[in-house]
Amino acid sequence: MAVTKKIISSNISHKLELSQKESLELVDLFFCFLRDNKDRHININNFGLFKSSNTPQRIGRNPKTLETFEIKPRKKVSFKAATSIKKLIN
């Protein structure tokens, strides 16, 4: 099951006794914060680290036709969970 912003906001609204609209706004603000700080490492204690990095330009290949093409450089985001989250899951 995919976790959507709506599911996250409904969980927040139940736990913090906020309206659905307020909790959805809170989730949107969090994602805007991540987007605005995309060039920095964002560490949230006891949760994890959001980190952006650049991927270099490389050559890709279509497996069916074996045709090669250029993949442009781009940014990617990775998340490393904190030890406390890993312990909760395992």
C-alpha atoms as a PDB file:
ATOM      1  CA  MET A   1       0.000   0.000   0.000  1.00  0.00           C
ATOM      2  CA  ALA A   2       1.343   3.411  -0.929  1.00  0.00           C
ATOM      3  CA  VAL A   3       1.337   6.111   1.715  1.00  0.00           C
ATOM      4  CA  THR A   4      -0.099   9.318   0.332  1.00  0.00           C
ATOM      5  CA  LYS A   5      -0.126  12.863   1.675  1.00  0.00           C
ATOM      6  CA  LYS A   6      -3.790  12.393   2.489  1.00  0.00           C
ATOM      7  CA  ILE A   7      -3.057   9.335   4.657  1.00  0.00           C
ATOM      8  CA  ILE A   8      -0.204  11.141   6.426  1.00  0.00           C
ATOM      9  CA  SER A   9      -2.355  14.201   7.064  1.00  0.00           C
ATOM     10  CA  SER A  10      -5.268  12.144   8.401  1.00  0.00           C
ATOM     11  CA  ASN A  11      -2.921  10.385  10.859  1.00  0.00           C
ATOM     12  CA  ILE A  12      -1.560  13.757  11.971  1.00  0.00           C
ATOM     13  CA  SER A  13      -5.057  15.191  12.379  1.00  0.00           C
ATOM     14  CA  HIS A  14      -6.128  12.251  14.589  1.00  0.00           C
ATOM     15  CA  LYS A  15      -3.020  12.309  16.790  1.00  0.00           C
ATOM     16  CA  LEU A  16      -2.733  16.106  17.178  1.00  0.00           C
ATOM     17  CA  GLU A  17      -6.467  16.829  17.101  1.00  0.00           C
ATOM     18  CA  LEU A  18      -6.127  19.182  14.136  1.00  0.00           C
ATOM     19  CA  SER A  19      -8.561  19.600  11.297  1.00  0.00           C
ATOM     20  CA  GLN A  20      -7.889  17.657   8.117  1.00  0.00           C
ATOM     21  CA  LYS A  21      -7.209  20.908   6.271  1.00  0.00           C
ATOM     22  CA  GLU A  22      -4.646  22.097   8.857  1.00  0.00           C
ATOM     23  CA  SER A  23      -2.810  18.784   8.888  1.00  0.00           C
ATOM     24  CA  LEU A  24      -2.686  18.668   5.070  1.00  0.00           C
ATOM     25  CA  GLU A  25      -1.266  22.189   5.126  1.00  0.00           C
ATOM     26  CA  LEU A  26       1.371  21.034   7.626  1.00  0.00           C
ATOM     27  CA  VAL A  27       2.400  18.146   5.355  1.00  0.00           C
ATOM     28  CA  ASP A  28       2.524  20.480   2.343  1.00  0.00           C
ATOM     29  CA  LEU A  29       4.721  22.912   4.279  1.00  0.00           C
ATOM     30  CA  PHE A  30       7.108  20.098   5.202  1.00  0.00           C
ATOM     31  CA  PHE A  31       7.480  19.035   1.569  1.00  0.00           C
ATOM     32  CA  CYS A  32       7.934  22.674   0.522  1.00  0.00           C
ATOM     33  CA  PHE A  33      10.700  22.974   3.122  1.00  0.00           C
ATOM     34  CA  LEU A  34      12.425  19.915   1.640  1.00  0.00           C
ATOM     35  CA  ARG A  35      12.029  21.324  -1.871  1.00  0.00           C
ATOM     36  CA  ASP A  36      13.359  24.778  -0.901  1.00  0.00           C
ATOM     37  CA  ASN A  37      16.435  23.265   0.764  1.00  0.00           C
ATOM     38  CA  LYS A  38      17.174  20.721  -1.946  1.00  0.00           C
ATOM     39  CA  ASP A  39      20.868  21.628  -2.146  1.00  0.00           C
ATOM     40  CA  ARG A  40      21.492  20.963   1.555  1.00  0.00           C
ATOM     41  CA  HIS A  41      21.549  17.892   3.771  1.00  0.00           C
ATOM     42  CA  ILE A  42      18.508  17.869   6.037  1.00  0.00           C
ATOM     43  CA  ASN A  43      18.939  15.802   9.183  1.00  0.00           C
ATOM     44  CA  ILE A  44      15.882  15.206  11.363  1.00  0.00           C
ATOM     45  CA  ASN A  45      16.938  13.753  14.706  1.00  0.00           C
ATOM     46  CA  ASN A  46      15.607  10.241  15.400  1.00  0.00           C
ATOM     47  CA  PHE A  47      14.103  10.106  11.904  1.00  0.00           C
ATOM     48  CA  GLY A  48      16.757  10.294   9.210  1.00  0.00           C
ATOM     49  CA  LEU A  49      18.784  12.259   6.693  1.00  0.00           C
ATOM     50  CA  PHE A  50      17.578  13.638   3.360  1.00  0.00           C
ATOM     51  CA  LYS A  51      20.515  14.155   1.038  1.00  0.00           C
ATOM     52  CA  SER A  52      20.724  15.370  -2.549  1.00  0.00           C
ATOM     53  CA  SER A  53      23.497  14.425  -4.942  1.00  0.00           C
ATOM     54  CA  ASN A  54      24.335  14.824  -8.600  1.00  0.00           C
ATOM     55  CA  THR A  55      24.441  11.889 -10.994  1.00  0.00           C
ATOM     56  CA  PRO A  56      26.939  12.206 -13.833  1.00  0.00           C
ATOM     57  CA  GLN A  57      26.127  12.052 -17.516  1.00  0.00           C
ATOM     58  CA  ARG A  58      26.244   8.462 -18.736  1.00  0.00           C
ATOM     59  CA  ILE A  59      25.422   6.189 -21.637  1.00  0.00           C
ATOM     60  CA  GLY A  60      22.215   4.151 -21.488  1.00  0.00           C
ATOM     61  CA  ARG A  61      21.170   1.235 -23.642  1.00  0.00           C
ATOM     62  CA  ASN A  62      17.791  -0.038 -24.791  1.00  0.00           C
ATOM     63  CA  PRO A  63      17.878  -3.771 -23.917  1.00  0.00           C
ATOM     64  CA  LYS A  64      15.598  -4.756 -26.817  1.00  0.00           C
ATOM     65  CA  THR A  65      17.256  -2.865 -29.654  1.00  0.00           C
ATOM     66  CA  LEU A  66      20.695  -2.391 -28.044  1.00  0.00           C
ATOM     67  CA  GLU A  67      20.495   1.225 -29.176  1.00  0.00           C
ATOM     68  CA  THR A  68      22.648   3.526 -27.039  1.00  0.00           C
ATOM     69  CA  PHE A  69      21.626   6.999 -25.898  1.00  0.00           C
ATOM     70  CA  GLU A  70      22.894   9.707 -23.596  1.00  0.00           C
ATOM     71  CA  ILE A  71      21.382  10.105 -20.122  1.00  0.00           C
ATOM     72  CA  LYS A  72      21.737  13.708 -18.971  1.00  0.00           C
ATOM     73  CA  PRO A  73      23.152  14.563 -15.540  1.00  0.00           C
ATOM     74  CA  ARG A  74      20.524  15.154 -12.877  1.00  0.00           C
ATOM     75  CA  LYS A  75      19.973  15.515  -9.158  1.00  0.00           C
ATOM     76  CA  LYS A  76      18.653  12.717  -7.007  1.00  0.00           C
ATOM     77  CA  VAL A  77      17.438  12.577  -3.429  1.00  0.00           C
ATOM     78  CA  SER A  78      18.298   9.806  -1.027  1.00  0.00           C
ATOM     79  CA  PHE A  79      17.049   9.092   2.469  1.00  0.00           C
ATOM     80  CA  LYS A  80      18.989   7.300   5.172  1.00  0.00           C
ATOM     81  CA  ALA A  81      16.875   6.242   8.130  1.00  0.00           C
ATOM     82  CA  ALA A  82      18.110   6.913  11.652  1.00  0.00           C
ATOM     83  CA  THR A  83      19.093   3.998  13.885  1.00  0.00           C
ATOM     84  CA  SER A  84      15.988   4.491  16.043  1.00  0.00           C
ATOM     85  CA  ILE A  85      13.713   4.100  12.997  1.00  0.00           C
ATOM     86  CA  LYS A  86      15.614   1.005  11.848  1.00  0.00           C
ATOM     87  CA  LYS A  87      15.156  -0.544  15.306  1.00  0.00           C
ATOM     88  CA  LEU A  88      11.419   0.180  15.190  1.00  0.00           C
ATOM     89  CA  ILE A  89      11.077  -1.559  11.849  1.00  0.00           C
ATOM     90  CA  ASN A  90      13.143  -4.621  12.757  1.00  0.00           C
END
